[in-house]
Structure formats: C-alpha cells, structure tokens
Amino acid sequence: MASLLFQPITGKAEEIVSAILQTEEVTSCRDIQYPVHLVCEEIVINVVDYAYPDDDNGYLKVEVTKNDAELVIQFRDGGIPFNPLLREQPDISLPLEERQIGGLGIFLVQQMMDVVSYEYNNNENVLTIKKNISHEK
C-alpha cells in the first residue's frame, strides 16, 4: 500500500497526480494507466481548486492499494464537505451549446471506474475509486 500526504496542495495538482501515477501499485497495472491518469487528474484538480477556498494550507491524503482483483485509490481531504456523486448527471445527448457547465468530470470518473463511492467521515471527504484488474497478468 502506498500512503501519500500532500500539504499544502495549492498549485500542486500536477505534482500530486504524478506522485500517484508513480506508485508501484499503479505502475504495475499497465492496461489501466490511461483511465487511472484521467480520473486522478480530475479528482485532484477539483480538490486543489475547490476544497479549500479560504485556506492555502489544505491537505490531501491518498492511499493506493492493489490486490489480485482490483486497484483502489482513496482520496481524503479536510475541505468543505462535498459529495460529487449527488450532482445531477449531465445530459450528454444535448448539443454542446445547450449543455450545462460542470458535472462532466465526475461523470467521466464514474464511467471509467468500476466503483466510485463517497463518505464524509471524521471531518474528511473520502472519495474511493476502484478498478477491476483481474484480467491483467
């Protein structure tokens, strides 16, 4: 298991994503590195940009675990409580000019991962993503 702690996170989204992608757990899953990269980028950018609107000293904890069946990445932050899974799903059937702004990021996360869950626990937002890797050798 890889445990990563970033504090402060302001302006460090790229560095955080890079650190996650360089964990042994992620690098050993060649077949899913592209979707994991996109999803981690989306989640990290949202935490960095929105979780701590009035605090430059915010933190992000990331735990990456892997077993024979799945890769699990858990993101924890102490920012304002926000459950992205409660957002209304975007209507992707509409032409671009008629679509609402926002909401595509969590939609992408949900489409690319097998399990996405959220809880607010001990004053922390906890977003967990899971991707099946049982097909990998």
C-alpha atoms as a PDB file:
ATOM      1  CA  MET A   1       0.000   0.000   0.000  1.00  0.00           C
ATOM      2  CA  ALA A   2       1.202   3.486  -0.835  1.00  0.00           C
ATOM      3  CA  SER A   3       0.218   6.300   1.528  1.00  0.00           C
ATOM      4  CA  LEU A   4       0.815   9.815   0.270  1.00  0.00           C
ATOM      5  CA  LEU A   5       0.259  13.107   2.089  1.00  0.00           C
ATOM      6  CA  PHE A   6       0.356  16.468   0.360  1.00  0.00           C
ATOM      7  CA  GLN A   7       0.217  19.729   2.311  1.00  0.00           C
ATOM      8  CA  PRO A   8      -0.168  22.428   1.213  1.00  0.00           C
ATOM      9  CA  ILE A   9      -1.812  21.483  -2.089  1.00  0.00           C
ATOM     10  CA  THR A  10      -2.314  24.904  -3.645  1.00  0.00           C
ATOM     11  CA  GLY A  11      -0.893  24.871  -7.172  1.00  0.00           C
ATOM     12  CA  LYS A  12       0.383  21.300  -6.833  1.00  0.00           C
ATOM     13  CA  ALA A  13      -2.187  19.296  -8.811  1.00  0.00           C
ATOM     14  CA  GLU A  14       0.309  18.125 -11.425  1.00  0.00           C
ATOM     15  CA  GLU A  15       2.838  17.079  -8.772  1.00  0.00           C
ATOM     16  CA  ILE A  16       0.181  15.165  -6.823  1.00  0.00           C
ATOM     17  CA  VAL A  17      -1.120  13.320  -9.884  1.00  0.00           C
ATOM     18  CA  SER A  18       2.417  12.436 -10.905  1.00  0.00           C
ATOM     19  CA  ALA A  19       3.177  11.013  -7.451  1.00  0.00           C
ATOM     20  CA  ILE A  20       0.046   8.834  -7.549  1.00  0.00           C
ATOM     21  CA  LEU A  21       0.871   7.543 -11.019  1.00  0.00           C
ATOM     22  CA  GLN A  22       4.401   6.665  -9.930  1.00  0.00           C
ATOM     23  CA  THR A  23       3.319   4.374  -7.111  1.00  0.00           C
ATOM     24  CA  GLU A  24       4.217   0.732  -7.622  1.00  0.00           C
ATOM     25  CA  GLU A  25       0.540  -0.197  -7.391  1.00  0.00           C
ATOM     26  CA  VAL A  26      -0.372   1.976 -10.383  1.00  0.00           C
ATOM     27  CA  THR A  27       2.733   1.373 -12.497  1.00  0.00           C
ATOM     28  CA  SER A  28       2.173  -2.379 -12.263  1.00  0.00           C
ATOM     29  CA  CYS A  29      -1.266  -2.013 -13.887  1.00  0.00           C
ATOM     30  CA  ARG A  30      -0.252  -1.210 -17.455  1.00  0.00           C
ATOM     31  CA  ASP A  31      -3.659  -1.847 -19.027  1.00  0.00           C
ATOM     32  CA  ILE A  32      -5.467   0.774 -16.958  1.00  0.00           C
ATOM     33  CA  GLN A  33      -2.886   3.543 -16.622  1.00  0.00           C
ATOM     34  CA  TYR A  34      -4.663   5.880 -19.072  1.00  0.00           C
ATOM     35  CA  PRO A  35      -8.077   5.830 -17.343  1.00  0.00           C
ATOM     36  CA  VAL A  36      -6.430   5.997 -13.910  1.00  0.00           C
ATOM     37  CA  HIS A  37      -4.445   9.039 -15.046  1.00  0.00           C
ATOM     38  CA  LEU A  38      -7.552  10.846 -16.343  1.00  0.00           C
ATOM     39  CA  VAL A  39      -9.606  10.045 -13.256  1.00  0.00           C
ATOM     40  CA  CYS A  40      -6.878  11.017 -10.780  1.00  0.00           C
ATOM     41  CA  GLU A  41      -6.285  14.252 -12.644  1.00  0.00           C
ATOM     42  CA  GLU A  42      -9.982  15.124 -12.488  1.00  0.00           C
ATOM     43  CA  ILE A  43     -10.295  14.335  -8.775  1.00  0.00           C
ATOM     44  CA  VAL A  44      -7.058  16.035  -7.709  1.00  0.00           C
ATOM     45  CA  ILE A  45      -7.722  19.213  -9.703  1.00  0.00           C
ATOM     46  CA  ASN A  46     -11.165  19.515  -8.107  1.00  0.00           C
ATOM     47  CA  VAL A  47      -9.764  19.074  -4.590  1.00  0.00           C
ATOM     48  CA  VAL A  48      -6.939  21.548  -5.218  1.00  0.00           C
ATOM     49  CA  ASP A  49      -9.249  24.138  -6.829  1.00  0.00           C
ATOM     50  CA  TYR A  50     -12.376  23.864  -4.655  1.00  0.00           C
ATOM     51  CA  ALA A  51     -11.913  22.012  -1.346  1.00  0.00           C
ATOM     52  CA  TYR A  52     -10.167  24.844   0.495  1.00  0.00           C
ATOM     53  CA  PRO A  53     -11.461  28.171  -0.827  1.00  0.00           C
ATOM     54  CA  ASP A  54     -10.154  30.176   2.146  1.00  0.00           C
ATOM     55  CA  ASP A  55      -7.174  28.094   3.231  1.00  0.00           C
ATOM     56  CA  ASP A  56      -3.823  27.821   1.461  1.00  0.00           C
ATOM     57  CA  ASN A  57      -2.705  25.138   3.895  1.00  0.00           C
ATOM     58  CA  GLY A  58      -5.141  22.390   2.852  1.00  0.00           C
ATOM     59  CA  TYR A  59      -4.119  18.761   2.622  1.00  0.00           C
ATOM     60  CA  LEU A  60      -4.841  15.720   0.521  1.00  0.00           C
ATOM     61  CA  LYS A  61      -4.166  12.164   1.675  1.00  0.00           C
ATOM     62  CA  VAL A  62      -4.064   9.446  -0.975  1.00  0.00           C
ATOM     63  CA  GLU A  63      -3.904   5.716  -0.321  1.00  0.00           C
ATOM     64  CA  VAL A  64      -3.290   3.344  -3.205  1.00  0.00           C
ATOM     65  CA  THR A  65      -3.823  -0.372  -2.697  1.00  0.00           C
ATOM     66  CA  LYS A  66      -3.808  -3.286  -5.080  1.00  0.00           C
ATOM     67  CA  ASN A  67      -4.763  -6.930  -4.829  1.00  0.00           C
ATOM     68  CA  ASP A  68      -5.339  -9.614  -7.461  1.00  0.00           C
ATOM     69  CA  ALA A  69      -8.806  -8.285  -8.250  1.00  0.00           C
ATOM     70  CA  GLU A  70      -8.672  -4.501  -8.077  1.00  0.00           C
ATOM     71  CA  LEU A  71      -6.752  -1.268  -7.806  1.00  0.00           C
ATOM     72  CA  VAL A  72      -8.192   1.015  -5.118  1.00  0.00           C
ATOM     73  CA  ILE A  73      -7.358   4.691  -4.713  1.00  0.00           C
ATOM     74  CA  GLN A  74      -8.784   6.638  -1.792  1.00  0.00           C
ATOM     75  CA  PHE A  75      -8.651  10.431  -1.607  1.00  0.00           C
ATOM     76  CA  ARG A  76      -9.148  12.206   1.758  1.00  0.00           C
ATOM     77  CA  ASP A  77      -9.291  15.927   2.331  1.00  0.00           C
ATOM     78  CA  GLY A  78     -10.443  18.164   5.161  1.00  0.00           C
ATOM     79  CA  GLY A  79     -12.020  20.729   2.869  1.00  0.00           C
ATOM     80  CA  ILE A  80     -15.639  21.793   2.713  1.00  0.00           C
ATOM     81  CA  PRO A  81     -17.962  18.775   2.719  1.00  0.00           C
ATOM     82  CA  PHE A  82     -18.901  17.915  -0.861  1.00  0.00           C
ATOM     83  CA  ASN A  83     -20.347  14.724  -2.278  1.00  0.00           C
ATOM     84  CA  PRO A  84     -19.718  14.844  -6.024  1.00  0.00           C
ATOM     85  CA  LEU A  85     -21.917  11.775  -6.535  1.00  0.00           C
ATOM     86  CA  LEU A  86     -25.015  13.827  -5.662  1.00  0.00           C
ATOM     87  CA  ARG A  87     -24.512  16.081  -8.669  1.00  0.00           C
ATOM     88  CA  GLU A  88     -27.111  15.690 -11.367  1.00  0.00           C
ATOM     89  CA  GLN A  89     -25.801  13.595 -14.257  1.00  0.00           C
ATOM     90  CA  PRO A  90     -25.065  15.733 -17.328  1.00  0.00           C
ATOM     91  CA  ASP A  91     -27.274  15.223 -20.366  1.00  0.00           C
ATOM     92  CA  ILE A  92     -24.630  14.247 -22.897  1.00  0.00           C
ATOM     93  CA  SER A  93     -27.282  13.810 -25.592  1.00  0.00           C
ATOM     94  CA  LEU A  94     -27.688  17.588 -25.854  1.00  0.00           C
ATOM     95  CA  PRO A  95     -25.630  19.598 -28.341  1.00  0.00           C
ATOM     96  CA  LEU A  96     -22.571  21.192 -26.708  1.00  0.00           C
ATOM     97  CA  GLU A  97     -24.024  24.697 -26.783  1.00  0.00           C
ATOM     98  CA  GLU A  98     -27.090  23.540 -24.801  1.00  0.00           C
ATOM     99  CA  ARG A  99     -25.261  21.631 -22.060  1.00  0.00           C
ATOM    100  CA  GLN A 100     -24.896  22.882 -18.508  1.00  0.00           C
ATOM    101  CA  ILE A 101     -21.382  23.805 -17.426  1.00  0.00           C
ATOM    102  CA  GLY A 102     -19.842  21.373 -14.947  1.00  0.00           C
ATOM    103  CA  GLY A 103     -20.577  17.828 -13.919  1.00  0.00           C
ATOM    104  CA  LEU A 104     -18.682  16.104 -16.715  1.00  0.00           C
ATOM    105  CA  GLY A 105     -15.681  15.352 -14.510  1.00  0.00           C
ATOM    106  CA  ILE A 106     -17.456  13.127 -12.003  1.00  0.00           C
ATOM    107  CA  PHE A 107     -19.414  11.596 -14.898  1.00  0.00           C
ATOM    108  CA  LEU A 108     -16.071  10.667 -16.505  1.00  0.00           C
ATOM    109  CA  VAL A 109     -14.837   9.218 -13.204  1.00  0.00           C
ATOM    110  CA  GLN A 110     -17.961   7.089 -12.841  1.00  0.00           C
ATOM    111  CA  GLN A 111     -17.765   5.872 -16.440  1.00  0.00           C
ATOM    112  CA  MET A 112     -14.085   4.903 -16.266  1.00  0.00           C
ATOM    113  CA  MET A 113     -14.020   3.252 -12.834  1.00  0.00           C
ATOM    114  CA  ASP A 114     -15.915   0.164 -11.683  1.00  0.00           C
ATOM    115  CA  VAL A 115     -16.813   1.561  -8.242  1.00  0.00           C
ATOM    116  CA  VAL A 116     -16.913   5.163  -7.051  1.00  0.00           C
ATOM    117  CA  SER A 117     -18.027   5.907  -3.505  1.00  0.00           C
ATOM    118  CA  TYR A 118     -18.106   8.912  -1.195  1.00  0.00           C
ATOM    119  CA  GLU A 119     -18.468   9.364   2.525  1.00  0.00           C
ATOM    120  CA  TYR A 120     -17.911  12.194   4.966  1.00  0.00           C
ATOM    121  CA  ASN A 121     -16.085  10.705   7.932  1.00  0.00           C
ATOM    122  CA  ASN A 122     -14.170  12.369  10.809  1.00  0.00           C
ATOM    123  CA  ASN A 123     -14.457  15.797   9.168  1.00  0.00           C
ATOM    124  CA  GLU A 124     -12.984  14.492   5.917  1.00  0.00           C
ATOM    125  CA  ASN A 125     -14.300  13.995   2.411  1.00  0.00           C
ATOM    126  CA  VAL A 126     -13.431  10.418   1.441  1.00  0.00           C
ATOM    127  CA  LEU A 127     -13.724   9.542  -2.245  1.00  0.00           C
ATOM    128  CA  THR A 128     -12.801   5.986  -3.170  1.00  0.00           C
ATOM    129  CA  ILE A 129     -12.366   4.665  -6.693  1.00  0.00           C
ATOM    130  CA  LYS A 130     -11.894   1.042  -7.689  1.00  0.00           C
ATOM    131  CA  LYS A 131     -10.896  -0.520 -10.982  1.00  0.00           C
ATOM    132  CA  ASN A 132     -11.058  -4.220 -11.739  1.00  0.00           C
ATOM    133  CA  ILE A 133      -7.651  -5.602 -12.715  1.00  0.00           C
ATOM    134  CA  SER A 134      -8.361  -9.335 -12.540  1.00  0.00           C
ATOM    135  CA  HIS A 135      -7.844  -9.526 -16.319  1.00  0.00           C
ATOM    136  CA  GLU A 136      -4.228  -8.288 -16.038  1.00  0.00           C
ATOM    137  CA  LYS A 137      -1.379 -10.759 -15.882  1.00  0.00           C
END
